Amino acid sequence: MAEIIFKDNSIQTGHRIKIPKAIIDTLDLKVKQGITIRFDVDKKNMLVEVDDEE
């Protein structure tokens, strides 16, 4: 598994979810493509899953 670490960033709040461009490029995400973000509170991990395009 590849691990990408983003350091020296700041927290942004609001109703939008902003994903760093490096993640968008790595996952080859397109505008309005469906994604699921899972956050494990206990492990403090976030997982971004790309929804199947059917």
PDB file of N, CA and C in Angstrom:
ATOM      1  N   MET A   1       0.850  -1.187   0.000  1.00  0.00           N
ATOM      2  CA  MET A   1       0.000   0.000   0.000  1.00  0.00           C
ATOM      3  C   MET A   1       0.886   1.237   0.000  1.00  0.00           C
ATOM      4  N   ALA A   2       0.586   2.166  -0.887  1.00  0.00           N
ATOM      5  CA  ALA A   2       1.308   3.437  -0.919  1.00  0.00           C
ATOM      6  C   ALA A   2       0.751   4.341   0.161  1.00  0.00           C
ATOM      7  N   GLU A   3       1.620   5.057   0.797  1.00  0.00           N
ATOM      8  CA  GLU A   3       1.194   5.968   1.861  1.00  0.00           C
ATOM      9  C   GLU A   3       1.634   7.371   1.488  1.00  0.00           C
ATOM     10  N   ILE A   4       0.689   8.292   1.520  1.00  0.00           N
ATOM     11  CA  ILE A   4       0.987   9.687   1.230  1.00  0.00           C
ATOM     12  C   ILE A   4       0.698  10.475   2.496  1.00  0.00           C
ATOM     13  N   ILE A   5       1.676  11.232   2.941  1.00  0.00           N
ATOM     14  CA  ILE A   5       1.532  12.000   4.168  1.00  0.00           C
ATOM     15  C   ILE A   5       1.562  13.484   3.823  1.00  0.00           C
ATOM     16  N   PHE A   6       0.553  14.216   4.283  1.00  0.00           N
ATOM     17  CA  PHE A   6       0.491  15.655   4.082  1.00  0.00           C
ATOM     18  C   PHE A   6       0.772  16.311   5.425  1.00  0.00           C
ATOM     19  N   LYS A   7       1.813  17.122   5.477  1.00  0.00           N
ATOM     20  CA  LYS A   7       2.172  17.813   6.709  1.00  0.00           C
ATOM     21  C   LYS A   7       2.068  19.317   6.488  1.00  0.00           C
ATOM     22  N   ASP A   8       2.056  20.045   7.584  1.00  0.00           N
ATOM     23  CA  ASP A   8       2.037  21.507   7.552  1.00  0.00           C
ATOM     24  C   ASP A   8       0.807  22.069   6.851  1.00  0.00           C
ATOM     25  N   ASN A   9      -0.330  21.404   6.997  1.00  0.00           N
ATOM     26  CA  ASN A   9      -1.589  21.905   6.457  1.00  0.00           C
ATOM     27  C   ASN A   9      -2.435  22.428   7.603  1.00  0.00           C
ATOM     28  N   SER A  10      -3.475  23.174   7.277  1.00  0.00           N
ATOM     29  CA  SER A  10      -4.346  23.693   8.321  1.00  0.00           C
ATOM     30  C   SER A  10      -5.740  23.100   8.153  1.00  0.00           C
ATOM     31  N   ILE A  11      -6.488  23.104   9.227  1.00  0.00           N
ATOM     32  CA  ILE A  11      -7.849  22.583   9.250  1.00  0.00           C
ATOM     33  C   ILE A  11      -8.782  23.614   8.626  1.00  0.00           C
ATOM     34  N   GLN A  12      -9.662  23.148   7.742  1.00  0.00           N
ATOM     35  CA  GLN A  12     -10.689  24.013   7.166  1.00  0.00           C
ATOM     36  C   GLN A  12     -12.037  23.428   7.553  1.00  0.00           C
ATOM     37  N   THR A  13     -12.953  24.276   7.950  1.00  0.00           N
ATOM     38  CA  THR A  13     -14.263  23.791   8.358  1.00  0.00           C
ATOM     39  C   THR A  13     -15.325  24.274   7.381  1.00  0.00           C
ATOM     40  N   GLY A  14     -16.445  23.623   7.402  1.00  0.00           N
ATOM     41  CA  GLY A  14     -17.551  23.980   6.526  1.00  0.00           C
ATOM     42  C   GLY A  14     -18.254  22.720   6.074  1.00  0.00           C
ATOM     43  N   HIS A  15     -19.145  22.860   5.117  1.00  0.00           N
ATOM     44  CA  HIS A  15     -19.934  21.733   4.649  1.00  0.00           C
ATOM     45  C   HIS A  15     -19.305  21.027   3.461  1.00  0.00           C
ATOM     46  N   ARG A  16     -18.275  21.587   2.889  1.00  0.00           N
ATOM     47  CA  ARG A  16     -17.601  20.960   1.762  1.00  0.00           C
ATOM     48  C   ARG A  16     -16.453  20.101   2.264  1.00  0.00           C
ATOM     49  N   ILE A  17     -16.114  19.128   1.452  1.00  0.00           N
ATOM     50  CA  ILE A  17     -14.940  18.316   1.744  1.00  0.00           C
ATOM     51  C   ILE A  17     -13.902  18.668   0.705  1.00  0.00           C
ATOM     52  N   LYS A  18     -12.782  19.174   1.150  1.00  0.00           N
ATOM     53  CA  LYS A  18     -11.717  19.556   0.225  1.00  0.00           C
ATOM     54  C   LYS A  18     -10.635  18.483   0.268  1.00  0.00           C
ATOM     55  N   ILE A  19     -10.348  17.938  -0.895  1.00  0.00           N
ATOM     56  CA  ILE A  19      -9.355  16.874  -1.013  1.00  0.00           C
ATOM     57  C   ILE A  19      -8.128  17.461  -1.692  1.00  0.00           C
ATOM     58  N   PRO A  20      -6.945  17.232  -1.130  1.00  0.00           N
ATOM     59  CA  PRO A  20      -5.727  17.777  -1.744  1.00  0.00           C
ATOM     60  C   PRO A  20      -5.570  17.307  -3.197  1.00  0.00           C
ATOM     61  N   LYS A  21      -5.041  18.195  -4.047  1.00  0.00           N
ATOM     62  CA  LYS A  21      -4.866  17.901  -5.464  1.00  0.00           C
ATOM     63  C   LYS A  21      -4.022  16.656  -5.684  1.00  0.00           C
ATOM     64  N   ALA A  22      -3.040  16.411  -4.843  1.00  0.00           N
ATOM     65  CA  ALA A  22      -2.195  15.226  -5.005  1.00  0.00           C
ATOM     66  C   ALA A  22      -3.016  13.938  -4.907  1.00  0.00           C
ATOM     67  N   ILE A  23      -4.019  13.909  -4.022  1.00  0.00           N
ATOM     68  CA  ILE A  23      -4.885  12.730  -3.895  1.00  0.00           C
ATOM     69  C   ILE A  23      -5.787  12.618  -5.115  1.00  0.00           C
ATOM     70  N   ILE A  24      -6.341  13.739  -5.570  1.00  0.00           N
ATOM     71  CA  ILE A  24      -7.202  13.733  -6.750  1.00  0.00           C
ATOM     72  C   ILE A  24      -6.431  13.203  -7.954  1.00  0.00           C
ATOM     73  N   ASP A  25      -5.196  13.667  -8.128  1.00  0.00           N
ATOM     74  CA  ASP A  25      -4.373  13.212  -9.248  1.00  0.00           C
ATOM     75  C   ASP A  25      -4.008  11.743  -9.113  1.00  0.00           C
ATOM     76  N   THR A  26      -3.637  11.300  -7.907  1.00  0.00           N
ATOM     77  CA  THR A  26      -3.241   9.910  -7.686  1.00  0.00           C
ATOM     78  C   THR A  26      -4.393   8.952  -7.954  1.00  0.00           C
ATOM     79  N   LEU A  27      -5.603   9.316  -7.509  1.00  0.00           N
ATOM     80  CA  LEU A  27      -6.778   8.459  -7.706  1.00  0.00           C
ATOM     81  C   LEU A  27      -7.445   8.703  -9.057  1.00  0.00           C
ATOM     82  N   ASP A  28      -6.951   9.665  -9.823  1.00  0.00           N
ATOM     83  CA  ASP A  28      -7.499  10.035 -11.121  1.00  0.00           C
ATOM     84  C   ASP A  28      -8.998  10.341 -11.018  1.00  0.00           C
ATOM     85  N   LEU A  29      -9.351  11.170 -10.021  1.00  0.00           N
ATOM     86  CA  LEU A  29     -10.746  11.544  -9.801  1.00  0.00           C
ATOM     87  C   LEU A  29     -11.174  12.611 -10.794  1.00  0.00           C
ATOM     88  N   LYS A  30     -12.433  12.538 -11.201  1.00  0.00           N
ATOM     89  CA  LYS A  30     -13.015  13.503 -12.131  1.00  0.00           C
ATOM     90  C   LYS A  30     -14.082  14.330 -11.404  1.00  0.00           C
ATOM     91  N   VAL A  31     -14.445  15.451 -11.990  1.00  0.00           N
ATOM     92  CA  VAL A  31     -15.469  16.322 -11.414  1.00  0.00           C
ATOM     93  C   VAL A  31     -16.777  15.538 -11.280  1.00  0.00           C
ATOM     94  N   LYS A  32     -17.411  15.657 -10.137  1.00  0.00           N
ATOM     95  CA  LYS A  32     -18.688  15.010  -9.800  1.00  0.00           C
ATOM     96  C   LYS A  32     -18.627  13.481  -9.740  1.00  0.00           C
ATOM     97  N   GLN A  33     -17.410  12.919  -9.722  1.00  0.00           N
ATOM     98  CA  GLN A  33     -17.285  11.464  -9.571  1.00  0.00           C
ATOM     99  C   GLN A  33     -17.595  11.111  -8.116  1.00  0.00           C
ATOM    100  N   GLY A  34     -18.298  10.014  -7.925  1.00  0.00           N
ATOM    101  CA  GLY A  34     -18.696   9.617  -6.580  1.00  0.00           C
ATOM    102  C   GLY A  34     -17.541   9.037  -5.782  1.00  0.00           C
ATOM    103  N   ILE A  35     -17.427   9.477  -4.552  1.00  0.00           N
ATOM    104  CA  ILE A  35     -16.439   8.907  -3.640  1.00  0.00           C
ATOM    105  C   ILE A  35     -17.102   8.681  -2.290  1.00  0.00           C
ATOM    106  N   THR A  36     -16.520   7.784  -1.514  1.00  0.00           N
ATOM    107  CA  THR A  36     -16.945   7.553  -0.140  1.00  0.00           C
ATOM    108  C   THR A  36     -15.745   7.794   0.751  1.00  0.00           C
ATOM    109  N   ILE A  37     -15.934   8.575   1.804  1.00  0.00           N
ATOM    110  CA  ILE A  37     -14.857   8.843   2.749  1.00  0.00           C
ATOM    111  C   ILE A  37     -15.237   8.187   4.066  1.00  0.00           C
ATOM    112  N   ARG A  38     -14.388   7.279   4.517  1.00  0.00           N
ATOM    113  CA  ARG A  38     -14.614   6.589   5.783  1.00  0.00           C
ATOM    114  C   ARG A  38     -13.575   7.077   6.787  1.00  0.00           C
ATOM    115  N   PHE A  39     -14.056   7.439   7.977  1.00  0.00           N
ATOM    116  CA  PHE A  39     -13.156   7.923   9.020  1.00  0.00           C
ATOM    117  C   PHE A  39     -13.295   7.034  10.240  1.00  0.00           C
ATOM    118  N   ASP A  40     -12.198   6.429  10.649  1.00  0.00           N
ATOM    119  CA  ASP A  40     -12.166   5.578  11.839  1.00  0.00           C
ATOM    120  C   ASP A  40     -11.710   6.440  13.012  1.00  0.00           C
ATOM    121  N   VAL A  41     -12.636   6.769  13.887  1.00  0.00           N
ATOM    122  CA  VAL A  41     -12.355   7.666  15.005  1.00  0.00           C
ATOM    123  C   VAL A  41     -11.315   7.065  15.947  1.00  0.00           C
ATOM    124  N   ASP A  42     -11.422   5.774  16.213  1.00  0.00           N
ATOM    125  CA  ASP A  42     -10.492   5.137  17.147  1.00  0.00           C
ATOM    126  C   ASP A  42      -9.059   5.118  16.606  1.00  0.00           C
ATOM    127  N   LYS A  43      -8.908   4.782  15.340  1.00  0.00           N
ATOM    128  CA  LYS A  43      -7.573   4.694  14.734  1.00  0.00           C
ATOM    129  C   LYS A  43      -7.108   6.027  14.145  1.00  0.00           C
ATOM    130  N   LYS A  44      -8.030   6.989  14.051  1.00  0.00           N
ATOM    131  CA  LYS A  44      -7.749   8.294  13.459  1.00  0.00           C
ATOM    132  C   LYS A  44      -7.233   8.141  12.029  1.00  0.00           C
ATOM    133  N   ASN A  45      -7.892   7.273  11.265  1.00  0.00           N
ATOM    134  CA  ASN A  45      -7.568   7.044   9.859  1.00  0.00           C
ATOM    135  C   ASN A  45      -8.718   7.495   8.982  1.00  0.00           C
ATOM    136  N   MET A  46      -8.392   7.984   7.792  1.00  0.00           N
ATOM    137  CA  MET A  46      -9.397   8.351   6.819  1.00  0.00           C
ATOM    138  C   MET A  46      -9.129   7.557   5.541  1.00  0.00           C
ATOM    139  N   LEU A  47     -10.172   6.961   4.980  1.00  0.00           N
ATOM    140  CA  LEU A  47     -10.059   6.148   3.776  1.00  0.00           C
ATOM    141  C   LEU A  47     -10.958   6.753   2.702  1.00  0.00           C
ATOM    142  N   VAL A  48     -10.387   7.024   1.529  1.00  0.00           N
ATOM    143  CA  VAL A  48     -11.147   7.556   0.401  1.00  0.00           C
ATOM    144  C   VAL A  48     -11.336   6.422  -0.590  1.00  0.00           C
ATOM    145  N   GLU A  49     -12.603   6.085  -0.878  1.00  0.00           N
ATOM    146  CA  GLU A  49     -12.924   5.019  -1.823  1.00  0.00           C
ATOM    147  C   GLU A  49     -13.643   5.635  -3.014  1.00  0.00           C
ATOM    148  N   VAL A  50     -13.251   5.194  -4.221  1.00  0.00           N
ATOM    149  CA  VAL A  50     -13.894   5.661  -5.445  1.00  0.00           C
ATOM    150  C   VAL A  50     -15.086   4.766  -5.722  1.00  0.00           C
ATOM    151  N   ASP A  51     -16.275   5.373  -5.895  1.00  0.00           N
ATOM    152  CA  ASP A  51     -17.482   4.599  -6.192  1.00  0.00           C
ATOM    153  C   ASP A  51     -17.376   4.009  -7.589  1.00  0.00           C
ATOM    154  N   ASP A  52     -17.914   2.805  -7.762  1.00  0.00           N
ATOM    155  CA  ASP A  52     -17.916   2.151  -9.064  1.00  0.00           C
ATOM    156  C   ASP A  52     -18.747   2.953 -10.039  1.00  0.00           C
ATOM    157  N   GLU A  53     -18.246   3.059 -11.248  1.00  0.00           N
ATOM    158  CA  GLU A  53     -18.968   3.784 -12.297  1.00  0.00           C
ATOM    159  C   GLU A  53     -19.705   2.775 -13.153  1.00  0.00           C
ATOM    160  N   GLU A  54     -20.997   2.663 -12.979  1.00  0.00           N
ATOM    161  CA  GLU A  54     -21.798   1.716 -13.762  1.00  0.00           C
ATOM    162  C   GLU A  54     -22.990   2.391 -14.364  1.00  0.00           C
TER     163      GLU A  54
END
